């Protein structure tokens, strides 16, 4: 049985990113959602990603978006650069996910969004009113179990060499092969 990937999200500090990456985090998440109190600016995200990758070259970087337009997401993802684009808003569609995917980013999307149908992995998160993510509320675990039973990846990445084919900008961090 493979070990689940460990994602540390909401990282806003270079030193913490390096510490988390060097102590076993597989994925470092930075928040770009404009309405999040944990949001970071692009220059800070680039610094965080650089610090994490210096500490652990195989670490992957995820960017969390909620309401930003697709062109802005792609521009941001290329600038950092991100490995994973997390669409954390129910307004995103399967077409949005497909457009971002064409830019060769792995897509994770909320299960309740239309984007989840075209994503590489689905996410389940607890809601508190309009707030989603970091609320301390439980997610719908019955829905997560049903998605897993249907063969969906649950917030987990794979690659072209593996069954669920993700789009990691040409390199698989799991098997270290180039596409």
Foldseek 3Di string as FASTA:
>chain_A
DDDAAAEDELDQDQVVLLVCLLVRHQEYEAECEPPDPSHDDLVSLLSNLVSSCVSPVLHFYEYEYEPDALVVQLVSCVSSPHQEYEYEYQADACVSLVVSVVSQHAYEYAPNHNVNVNHLAYEWFDDDVPDTPPPPGDTDVVVVVVCVVVPGHHPGDDDPVDDSHGRGPQADSVVRDGD
